[in-house]
């Protein structure tokens, strides 16, 4: 009973501390804006970079959470894993562990539960970025054909989006075109698009679009060159992954396949040897 009570007290303490910390940060930032724009002291400097990191990642993953809400999810996940883990230990062992064991498992379970939402977020970001890089090469080839035919690249992009399947890249490009239709300049819309997707592989293409809008320079040769470079980069990446496959296969081979093969081969010999003894 005491370990469960300890889990509950830890949950209440962590929840109160998290709420107090970020509520104080929010109130302080609000007062700083009201009083002086040159006031630069921050009482929680270690929190602000983490909030910016979460906001950037959630924007890329299209998660509709505020950073503070995500931290609450981390706290709930960590506390839930504490309770589930301690309860599992009690059911498996049949008795309560000592206080030192309880504190050790509390720290381990809370840390794992607190990190899990971040791992899930980073996985969603990588999956979304991978799909965007894959689709962007195809979009770029179609844009090259349209621009070489004499069309404006915005008109070509709208036609491509109308006839393409739903995906992460289409969502971001549609958001960018909606911003342009609402009065935002194309250069600014492209910069915000680049910040949302956070992909260095596509930044060079976006810079070419921005330069074309600002200077009026021709885009045909630049797009063709960028398209060829992206194809070369994807081919080199595919070769790299192919070379890495034998190394990655060692873990399942050594951990799963080889032990099963050894058991099948040597089990009859071992059984016969034991019978002789």
C-alpha atoms as a PDB file:
ATOM      1  CA  UNK A   1       0.000   0.000   0.000  1.00  0.00           C
ATOM      2  CA  UNK A   2       2.805   2.405   0.809  1.00  0.00           C
ATOM      3  CA  UNK A   3       4.457   2.217  -2.657  1.00  0.00           C
ATOM      4  CA  UNK A   4       1.137   3.044  -4.335  1.00  0.00           C
ATOM      5  CA  UNK A   5       0.697   5.971  -1.959  1.00  0.00           C
ATOM      6  CA  UNK A   6       4.218   7.083  -2.841  1.00  0.00           C
ATOM      7  CA  UNK A   7       3.376   6.875  -6.561  1.00  0.00           C
ATOM      8  CA  UNK A   8       0.302   9.021  -6.009  1.00  0.00           C
ATOM      9  CA  UNK A   9       2.247  11.635  -4.038  1.00  0.00           C
ATOM     10  CA  UNK A  10       4.925  11.751  -6.738  1.00  0.00           C
ATOM     11  CA  UNK A  11       2.263  12.297  -9.406  1.00  0.00           C
ATOM     12  CA  UNK A  12       0.671  15.151  -7.457  1.00  0.00           C
ATOM     13  CA  UNK A  13       4.053  16.767  -6.763  1.00  0.00           C
ATOM     14  CA  UNK A  14       5.281  16.555 -10.351  1.00  0.00           C
ATOM     15  CA  UNK A  15       1.959  17.779 -11.744  1.00  0.00           C
ATOM     16  CA  UNK A  16       1.878  20.754  -9.374  1.00  0.00           C
ATOM     17  CA  UNK A  17       5.514  21.636 -10.074  1.00  0.00           C
ATOM     18  CA  UNK A  18       5.023  21.443 -13.849  1.00  0.00           C
ATOM     19  CA  UNK A  19       1.890  23.572 -13.760  1.00  0.00           C
ATOM     20  CA  UNK A  20       3.475  26.128 -11.424  1.00  0.00           C
ATOM     21  CA  UNK A  21       6.655  26.334 -13.481  1.00  0.00           C
ATOM     22  CA  UNK A  22       5.030  26.956 -16.846  1.00  0.00           C
ATOM     23  CA  UNK A  23       2.271  29.145 -15.437  1.00  0.00           C
ATOM     24  CA  UNK A  24       4.957  31.348 -13.889  1.00  0.00           C
ATOM     25  CA  UNK A  25       6.842  31.394 -17.183  1.00  0.00           C
ATOM     26  CA  UNK A  26       3.697  32.440 -19.077  1.00  0.00           C
ATOM     27  CA  UNK A  27       2.799  35.185 -16.578  1.00  0.00           C
ATOM     28  CA  UNK A  28       6.337  36.488 -16.568  1.00  0.00           C
ATOM     29  CA  UNK A  29       6.475  36.695 -20.376  1.00  0.00           C
ATOM     30  CA  UNK A  30       3.112  38.490 -20.399  1.00  0.00           C
ATOM     31  CA  UNK A  31       4.282  41.048 -17.842  1.00  0.00           C
ATOM     32  CA  UNK A  32       7.555  41.511 -19.715  1.00  0.00           C
ATOM     33  CA  UNK A  33       5.674  42.366 -22.913  1.00  0.00           C
ATOM     34  CA  UNK A  34       3.453  44.830 -21.047  1.00  0.00           C
ATOM     35  CA  UNK A  35       6.242  46.618 -19.189  1.00  0.00           C
ATOM     36  CA  UNK A  36       9.355  46.768 -21.323  1.00  0.00           C
ATOM     37  CA  UNK A  37      10.421  45.325 -24.648  1.00  0.00           C
ATOM     38  CA  UNK A  38      14.105  45.668 -23.671  1.00  0.00           C
ATOM     39  CA  UNK A  39      13.790  43.526 -20.542  1.00  0.00           C
ATOM     40  CA  UNK A  40      15.779  40.361 -21.233  1.00  0.00           C
ATOM     41  CA  UNK A  41      16.110  38.475 -17.931  1.00  0.00           C
ATOM     42  CA  UNK A  42      14.439  35.052 -18.014  1.00  0.00           C
ATOM     43  CA  UNK A  43      13.792  33.194 -14.715  1.00  0.00           C
ATOM     44  CA  UNK A  44      13.593  29.815 -16.488  1.00  0.00           C
ATOM     45  CA  UNK A  45      16.251  29.862 -19.232  1.00  0.00           C
ATOM     46  CA  UNK A  46      16.396  26.066 -19.359  1.00  0.00           C
ATOM     47  CA  UNK A  47      12.666  25.806 -20.190  1.00  0.00           C
ATOM     48  CA  UNK A  48      12.433  28.200 -23.141  1.00  0.00           C
ATOM     49  CA  UNK A  49      14.740  26.248 -25.530  1.00  0.00           C
ATOM     50  CA  UNK A  50      12.846  23.044 -24.784  1.00  0.00           C
ATOM     51  CA  UNK A  51       9.515  24.745 -25.495  1.00  0.00           C
ATOM     52  CA  UNK A  52      10.900  26.079 -28.788  1.00  0.00           C
ATOM     53  CA  UNK A  53      12.173  22.597 -29.659  1.00  0.00           C
ATOM     54  CA  UNK A  54       8.772  21.040 -28.964  1.00  0.00           C
ATOM     55  CA  UNK A  55       6.932  23.717 -30.929  1.00  0.00           C
ATOM     56  CA  UNK A  56       9.209  23.237 -33.950  1.00  0.00           C
ATOM     57  CA  UNK A  57       8.876  19.460 -33.876  1.00  0.00           C
ATOM     58  CA  UNK A  58       5.104  19.526 -33.420  1.00  0.00           C
ATOM     59  CA  UNK A  59       4.762  22.008 -36.284  1.00  0.00           C
ATOM     60  CA  UNK A  60       6.691  19.663 -38.561  1.00  0.00           C
ATOM     61  CA  UNK A  61       4.668  16.641 -37.400  1.00  0.00           C
ATOM     62  CA  UNK A  62       1.363  18.578 -37.641  1.00  0.00           C
ATOM     63  CA  UNK A  63       0.472  17.750 -34.052  1.00  0.00           C
ATOM     64  CA  UNK A  64      -2.190  20.127 -32.745  1.00  0.00           C
ATOM     65  CA  UNK A  65      -0.708  20.558 -29.275  1.00  0.00           C
ATOM     66  CA  UNK A  66       0.806  23.427 -27.404  1.00  0.00           C
ATOM     67  CA  UNK A  67       4.225  22.725 -25.811  1.00  0.00           C
ATOM     68  CA  UNK A  68       2.717  22.974 -22.329  1.00  0.00           C
ATOM     69  CA  UNK A  69       0.048  20.414 -23.216  1.00  0.00           C
ATOM     70  CA  UNK A  70       2.722  18.082 -24.569  1.00  0.00           C
ATOM     71  CA  UNK A  71       4.673  18.337 -21.315  1.00  0.00           C
ATOM     72  CA  UNK A  72       1.515  17.396 -19.429  1.00  0.00           C
ATOM     73  CA  UNK A  73       1.291  14.329 -21.664  1.00  0.00           C
ATOM     74  CA  UNK A  74       4.877  13.490 -20.723  1.00  0.00           C
ATOM     75  CA  UNK A  75       4.094  13.835 -17.012  1.00  0.00           C
ATOM     76  CA  UNK A  76       0.965  11.675 -17.277  1.00  0.00           C
ATOM     77  CA  UNK A  77       2.850   9.081 -19.325  1.00  0.00           C
ATOM     78  CA  UNK A  78       5.671   8.920 -16.796  1.00  0.00           C
ATOM     79  CA  UNK A  79       3.336   8.677 -13.811  1.00  0.00           C
ATOM     80  CA  UNK A  80       1.157   6.079 -15.498  1.00  0.00           C
ATOM     81  CA  UNK A  81       4.195   3.938 -16.220  1.00  0.00           C
ATOM     82  CA  UNK A  82       5.253   4.261 -12.565  1.00  0.00           C
ATOM     83  CA  UNK A  83       1.924   2.902 -11.365  1.00  0.00           C
ATOM     84  CA  UNK A  84       1.732   0.165 -14.003  1.00  0.00           C
ATOM     85  CA  UNK A  85       5.346  -0.863 -13.454  1.00  0.00           C
ATOM     86  CA  UNK A  86       5.131  -1.024  -9.674  1.00  0.00           C
ATOM     87  CA  UNK A  87       1.848  -2.907  -9.838  1.00  0.00           C
ATOM     88  CA  UNK A  88       3.393  -5.410 -12.265  1.00  0.00           C
ATOM     89  CA  UNK A  89       6.367  -5.902  -9.968  1.00  0.00           C
ATOM     90  CA  UNK A  90       4.060  -6.541  -7.020  1.00  0.00           C
ATOM     91  CA  UNK A  91       1.988  -9.062  -8.980  1.00  0.00           C
ATOM     92  CA  UNK A  92       5.079 -10.871 -10.268  1.00  0.00           C
ATOM     93  CA  UNK A  93       7.017 -10.972  -7.003  1.00  0.00           C
ATOM     94  CA  UNK A  94       4.046 -11.348  -4.660  1.00  0.00           C
ATOM     95  CA  UNK A  95       5.413  -8.812  -2.165  1.00  0.00           C
ATOM     96  CA  UNK A  96       6.241  -5.130  -1.891  1.00  0.00           C
ATOM     97  CA  UNK A  97       9.866  -4.184  -2.629  1.00  0.00           C
ATOM     98  CA  UNK A  98      11.853  -2.223  -0.084  1.00  0.00           C
ATOM     99  CA  UNK A  99      11.999   1.579  -0.163  1.00  0.00           C
ATOM    100  CA  UNK A 100      15.302   1.731  -2.033  1.00  0.00           C
ATOM    101  CA  UNK A 101      13.905  -0.573  -4.701  1.00  0.00           C
ATOM    102  CA  UNK A 102      10.714   1.467  -4.939  1.00  0.00           C
ATOM    103  CA  UNK A 103      12.624   4.722  -5.462  1.00  0.00           C
ATOM    104  CA  UNK A 104      14.863   3.103  -8.068  1.00  0.00           C
ATOM    105  CA  UNK A 105      11.924   1.750 -10.063  1.00  0.00           C
ATOM    106  CA  UNK A 106      10.059   5.048  -9.720  1.00  0.00           C
ATOM    107  CA  UNK A 107      12.953   6.932 -11.310  1.00  0.00           C
ATOM    108  CA  UNK A 108      13.399   4.361 -14.076  1.00  0.00           C
ATOM    109  CA  UNK A 109       9.707   4.103 -14.945  1.00  0.00           C
ATOM    110  CA  UNK A 110       9.092   7.843 -14.811  1.00  0.00           C
ATOM    111  CA  UNK A 111      12.112   8.540 -17.019  1.00  0.00           C
ATOM    112  CA  UNK A 112      11.003   6.002 -19.611  1.00  0.00           C
ATOM    113  CA  UNK A 113       7.433   7.269 -19.576  1.00  0.00           C
ATOM    114  CA  UNK A 114       8.547  10.893 -19.780  1.00  0.00           C
ATOM    115  CA  UNK A 115      10.800  10.206 -22.780  1.00  0.00           C
ATOM    116  CA  UNK A 116       8.317   8.027 -24.682  1.00  0.00           C
ATOM    117  CA  UNK A 117       6.151  10.912 -26.068  1.00  0.00           C
ATOM    118  CA  UNK A 118       9.306  12.650 -27.335  1.00  0.00           C
ATOM    119  CA  UNK A 119      10.420   9.452 -29.073  1.00  0.00           C
ATOM    120  CA  UNK A 120       6.956   9.127 -30.600  1.00  0.00           C
ATOM    121  CA  UNK A 121       7.085  12.752 -31.759  1.00  0.00           C
ATOM    122  CA  UNK A 122      10.511  12.354 -33.363  1.00  0.00           C
ATOM    123  CA  UNK A 123       9.355   9.160 -35.092  1.00  0.00           C
ATOM    124  CA  UNK A 124       6.347  10.987 -36.537  1.00  0.00           C
ATOM    125  CA  UNK A 125       8.592  13.834 -37.714  1.00  0.00           C
ATOM    126  CA  UNK A 126      11.043  11.476 -39.429  1.00  0.00           C
ATOM    127  CA  UNK A 127       8.239   9.531 -41.113  1.00  0.00           C
ATOM    128  CA  UNK A 128       6.590  12.721 -42.353  1.00  0.00           C
ATOM    129  CA  UNK A 129       9.874  14.163 -43.621  1.00  0.00           C
ATOM    130  CA  UNK A 130      10.731  10.913 -45.387  1.00  0.00           C
ATOM    131  CA  UNK A 131       7.404  10.982 -47.239  1.00  0.00           C
ATOM    132  CA  UNK A 132       7.892  14.638 -48.166  1.00  0.00           C
ATOM    133  CA  UNK A 133      11.372  14.054 -49.599  1.00  0.00           C
ATOM    134  CA  UNK A 134      10.084  11.104 -51.616  1.00  0.00           C
ATOM    135  CA  UNK A 135       7.135  13.068 -53.050  1.00  0.00           C
ATOM    136  CA  UNK A 136       9.058  16.287 -53.647  1.00  0.00           C
ATOM    137  CA  UNK A 137      11.292  14.692 -56.283  1.00  0.00           C
ATOM    138  CA  UNK A 138       8.211  13.692 -58.292  1.00  0.00           C
ATOM    139  CA  UNK A 139       6.618  17.124 -57.809  1.00  0.00           C
ATOM    140  CA  UNK A 140       9.817  18.808 -58.943  1.00  0.00           C
ATOM    141  CA  UNK A 141       9.958  16.770 -62.164  1.00  0.00           C
ATOM    142  CA  UNK A 142       6.393  17.794 -62.993  1.00  0.00           C
ATOM    143  CA  UNK A 143       7.187  21.428 -62.227  1.00  0.00           C
ATOM    144  CA  UNK A 144      10.195  21.290 -64.556  1.00  0.00           C
ATOM    145  CA  UNK A 145       7.974  20.036 -67.380  1.00  0.00           C
ATOM    146  CA  UNK A 146       5.378  22.739 -66.734  1.00  0.00           C
ATOM    147  CA  UNK A 147       7.878  25.590 -66.477  1.00  0.00           C
ATOM    148  CA  UNK A 148       9.671  24.429 -69.635  1.00  0.00           C
ATOM    149  CA  UNK A 149       6.278  24.537 -71.377  1.00  0.00           C
ATOM    150  CA  UNK A 150       6.031  28.250 -70.526  1.00  0.00           C
ATOM    151  CA  UNK A 151       3.701  28.213 -67.511  1.00  0.00           C
ATOM    152  CA  UNK A 152       4.188  30.084 -64.249  1.00  0.00           C
ATOM    153  CA  UNK A 153       5.411  27.783 -61.500  1.00  0.00           C
ATOM    154  CA  UNK A 154       2.528  28.734 -59.188  1.00  0.00           C
ATOM    155  CA  UNK A 155      -0.016  27.686 -61.824  1.00  0.00           C
ATOM    156  CA  UNK A 156       1.904  24.465 -62.411  1.00  0.00           C
ATOM    157  CA  UNK A 157       1.976  23.788 -58.682  1.00  0.00           C
ATOM    158  CA  UNK A 158      -1.785  24.275 -58.372  1.00  0.00           C
ATOM    159  CA  UNK A 159      -2.403  21.828 -61.224  1.00  0.00           C
ATOM    160  CA  UNK A 160      -0.105  19.277 -59.613  1.00  0.00           C
ATOM    161  CA  UNK A 161      -1.879  19.571 -56.265  1.00  0.00           C
ATOM    162  CA  UNK A 162      -5.300  19.202 -57.869  1.00  0.00           C
ATOM    163  CA  UNK A 163      -4.338  15.874 -59.446  1.00  0.00           C
ATOM    164  CA  UNK A 164      -2.109  14.392 -56.728  1.00  0.00           C
ATOM    165  CA  UNK A 165      -3.027  12.115 -53.852  1.00  0.00           C
ATOM    166  CA  UNK A 166      -3.224  13.310 -50.275  1.00  0.00           C
ATOM    167  CA  UNK A 167       0.042  13.366 -48.364  1.00  0.00           C
ATOM    168  CA  UNK A 168       2.221  15.448 -46.031  1.00  0.00           C
ATOM    169  CA  UNK A 169       3.846  17.424 -48.840  1.00  0.00           C
ATOM    170  CA  UNK A 170       0.516  18.211 -50.467  1.00  0.00           C
ATOM    171  CA  UNK A 171      -0.838  19.486 -47.130  1.00  0.00           C
ATOM    172  CA  UNK A 172       2.117  21.832 -46.644  1.00  0.00           C
ATOM    173  CA  UNK A 173       2.030  23.118 -50.234  1.00  0.00           C
ATOM    174  CA  UNK A 174      -1.714  23.735 -50.015  1.00  0.00           C
ATOM    175  CA  UNK A 175      -1.134  25.702 -46.811  1.00  0.00           C
ATOM    176  CA  UNK A 176       1.521  27.761 -48.592  1.00  0.00           C
ATOM    177  CA  UNK A 177      -0.785  28.544 -51.541  1.00  0.00           C
ATOM    178  CA  UNK A 178      -3.614  29.477 -49.160  1.00  0.00           C
ATOM    179  CA  UNK A 179      -1.302  31.949 -47.439  1.00  0.00           C
ATOM    180  CA  UNK A 180      -0.482  33.522 -50.817  1.00  0.00           C
ATOM    181  CA  UNK A 181      -4.180  33.787 -51.681  1.00  0.00           C
ATOM    182  CA  UNK A 182      -4.813  35.524 -48.349  1.00  0.00           C
ATOM    183  CA  UNK A 183      -2.343  38.289 -49.245  1.00  0.00           C
ATOM    184  CA  UNK A 184       1.024  37.032 -48.043  1.00  0.00           C
ATOM    185  CA  UNK A 185       3.939  37.413 -50.436  1.00  0.00           C
ATOM    186  CA  UNK A 186       5.171  34.275 -52.135  1.00  0.00           C
ATOM    187  CA  UNK A 187       8.682  34.731 -50.756  1.00  0.00           C
ATOM    188  CA  UNK A 188       7.403  34.923 -47.184  1.00  0.00           C
ATOM    189  CA  UNK A 189       5.079  31.960 -47.747  1.00  0.00           C
ATOM    190  CA  UNK A 190       7.994  29.896 -49.081  1.00  0.00           C
ATOM    191  CA  UNK A 191      10.129  30.805 -46.056  1.00  0.00           C
ATOM    192  CA  UNK A 192       7.394  29.698 -43.665  1.00  0.00           C
ATOM    193  CA  UNK A 193       6.967  26.509 -45.692  1.00  0.00           C
ATOM    194  CA  UNK A 194      10.700  25.833 -45.346  1.00  0.00           C
ATOM    195  CA  UNK A 195      10.518  26.412 -41.598  1.00  0.00           C
ATOM    196  CA  UNK A 196       7.576  24.039 -41.187  1.00  0.00           C
ATOM    197  CA  UNK A 197       9.040  21.096 -43.082  1.00  0.00           C
ATOM    198  CA  UNK A 198      12.597  21.593 -41.717  1.00  0.00           C
ATOM    199  CA  UNK A 199      14.283  19.694 -44.569  1.00  0.00           C
ATOM    200  CA  UNK A 200      17.770  20.758 -45.729  1.00  0.00           C
ATOM    201  CA  UNK A 201      17.326  18.677 -48.902  1.00  0.00           C
ATOM    202  CA  UNK A 202      14.557  20.995 -50.129  1.00  0.00           C
ATOM    203  CA  UNK A 203      15.960  24.342 -48.953  1.00  0.00           C
ATOM    204  CA  UNK A 204      17.954  24.864 -52.174  1.00  0.00           C
ATOM    205  CA  UNK A 205      14.801  24.509 -54.281  1.00  0.00           C
ATOM    206  CA  UNK A 206      12.909  26.920 -52.035  1.00  0.00           C
ATOM    207  CA  UNK A 207      15.739  29.448 -52.277  1.00  0.00           C
ATOM    208  CA  UNK A 208      15.501  29.208 -56.075  1.00  0.00           C
ATOM    209  CA  UNK A 209      11.776  30.017 -55.904  1.00  0.00           C
ATOM    210  CA  UNK A 210      12.418  32.966 -53.587  1.00  0.00           C
ATOM    211  CA  UNK A 211      15.177  34.303 -55.833  1.00  0.00           C
ATOM    212  CA  UNK A 212      12.892  34.049 -58.864  1.00  0.00           C
ATOM    213  CA  UNK A 213      10.157  36.030 -57.092  1.00  0.00           C
ATOM    214  CA  UNK A 214      12.583  38.732 -55.970  1.00  0.00           C
ATOM    215  CA  UNK A 215      14.707  39.138 -59.119  1.00  0.00           C
ATOM    216  CA  UNK A 216      12.530  37.755 -61.907  1.00  0.00           C
ATOM    217  CA  UNK A 217      15.335  35.493 -63.111  1.00  0.00           C
ATOM    218  CA  UNK A 218      14.483  32.467 -65.291  1.00  0.00           C
ATOM    219  CA  UNK A 219      13.708  29.324 -63.373  1.00  0.00           C
ATOM    220  CA  UNK A 220      13.858  26.614 -66.038  1.00  0.00           C
ATOM    221  CA  UNK A 221      17.576  25.791 -65.987  1.00  0.00           C
ATOM    222  CA  UNK A 222      17.773  26.095 -62.217  1.00  0.00           C
ATOM    223  CA  UNK A 223      14.880  23.683 -61.666  1.00  0.00           C
ATOM    224  CA  UNK A 224      16.322  21.190 -64.142  1.00  0.00           C
ATOM    225  CA  UNK A 225      19.683  21.297 -62.385  1.00  0.00           C
ATOM    226  CA  UNK A 226      18.101  20.941 -58.939  1.00  0.00           C
ATOM    227  CA  UNK A 227      15.965  18.047 -60.159  1.00  0.00           C
ATOM    228  CA  UNK A 228      19.036  16.213 -61.458  1.00  0.00           C
ATOM    229  CA  UNK A 229      20.903  16.868 -58.209  1.00  0.00           C
ATOM    230  CA  UNK A 230      18.011  15.545 -56.128  1.00  0.00           C
ATOM    231  CA  UNK A 231      17.832  12.381 -58.233  1.00  0.00           C
ATOM    232  CA  UNK A 232      21.571  11.868 -57.783  1.00  0.00           C
ATOM    233  CA  UNK A 233      21.267  12.407 -54.036  1.00  0.00           C
ATOM    234  CA  UNK A 234      18.418   9.909 -53.733  1.00  0.00           C
ATOM    235  CA  UNK A 235      20.368   7.342 -55.758  1.00  0.00           C
ATOM    236  CA  UNK A 236      23.416   7.788 -53.526  1.00  0.00           C
ATOM    237  CA  UNK A 237      21.232   7.461 -50.427  1.00  0.00           C
ATOM    238  CA  UNK A 238      19.719   4.243 -51.790  1.00  0.00           C
ATOM    239  CA  UNK A 239      23.216   2.869 -52.410  1.00  0.00           C
ATOM    240  CA  UNK A 240      24.254   3.802 -48.879  1.00  0.00           C
ATOM    241  CA  UNK A 241      21.253   2.005 -47.392  1.00  0.00           C
ATOM    242  CA  UNK A 242      21.980  -1.052 -49.538  1.00  0.00           C
ATOM    243  CA  UNK A 243      25.550  -1.156 -48.233  1.00  0.00           C
ATOM    244  CA  UNK A 244      24.277  -0.887 -44.646  1.00  0.00           C
ATOM    245  CA  UNK A 245      21.871  -3.815 -44.945  1.00  0.00           C
ATOM    246  CA  UNK A 246      24.431  -6.606 -44.280  1.00  0.00           C
ATOM    247  CA  UNK A 247      25.495  -4.875 -41.069  1.00  0.00           C
ATOM    248  CA  UNK A 248      21.895  -4.398 -39.935  1.00  0.00           C
ATOM    249  CA  UNK A 249      21.119  -8.052 -40.651  1.00  0.00           C
ATOM    250  CA  UNK A 250      23.769  -9.218 -38.192  1.00  0.00           C
ATOM    251  CA  UNK A 251      21.617  -8.468 -35.135  1.00  0.00           C
ATOM    252  CA  UNK A 252      18.632 -10.675 -36.116  1.00  0.00           C
ATOM    253  CA  UNK A 253      21.009 -13.311 -37.464  1.00  0.00           C
ATOM    254  CA  UNK A 254      23.061 -13.517 -34.275  1.00  0.00           C
ATOM    255  CA  UNK A 255      20.136 -13.054 -31.906  1.00  0.00           C
ATOM    256  CA  UNK A 256      17.374 -15.111 -33.541  1.00  0.00           C
ATOM    257  CA  UNK A 257      18.374 -17.276 -36.493  1.00  0.00           C
ATOM    258  CA  UNK A 258      21.753 -18.651 -35.409  1.00  0.00           C
ATOM    259  CA  UNK A 259      20.554 -19.797 -31.939  1.00  0.00           C
ATOM    260  CA  UNK A 260      17.629 -21.661 -33.503  1.00  0.00           C
ATOM    261  CA  UNK A 261      19.950 -23.327 -36.040  1.00  0.00           C
ATOM    262  CA  UNK A 262      22.410 -24.331 -33.313  1.00  0.00           C
ATOM    263  CA  UNK A 263      19.593 -25.830 -31.228  1.00  0.00           C
ATOM    264  CA  UNK A 264      18.370 -27.900 -34.167  1.00  0.00           C
ATOM    265  CA  UNK A 265      21.884 -29.106 -34.988  1.00  0.00           C
ATOM    266  CA  UNK A 266      23.266 -29.833 -31.549  1.00  0.00           C
ATOM    267  CA  UNK A 267      20.169 -30.830 -29.569  1.00  0.00           C
ATOM    268  CA  UNK A 268      20.292 -34.517 -30.695  1.00  0.00           C
ATOM    269  CA  UNK A 269      23.989 -34.719 -29.852  1.00  0.00           C
ATOM    270  CA  UNK A 270      23.480 -33.183 -26.417  1.00  0.00           C
ATOM    271  CA  UNK A 271      20.539 -35.478 -25.628  1.00  0.00           C
ATOM    272  CA  UNK A 272      22.498 -38.555 -26.707  1.00  0.00           C
ATOM    273  CA  UNK A 273      25.466 -37.464 -24.612  1.00  0.00           C
ATOM    274  CA  UNK A 274      23.241 -36.979 -21.563  1.00  0.00           C
ATOM    275  CA  UNK A 275      21.728 -40.435 -22.014  1.00  0.00           C
ATOM    276  CA  UNK A 276      25.173 -41.995 -22.110  1.00  0.00           C
ATOM    277  CA  UNK A 277      26.005 -40.344 -18.807  1.00  0.00           C
END
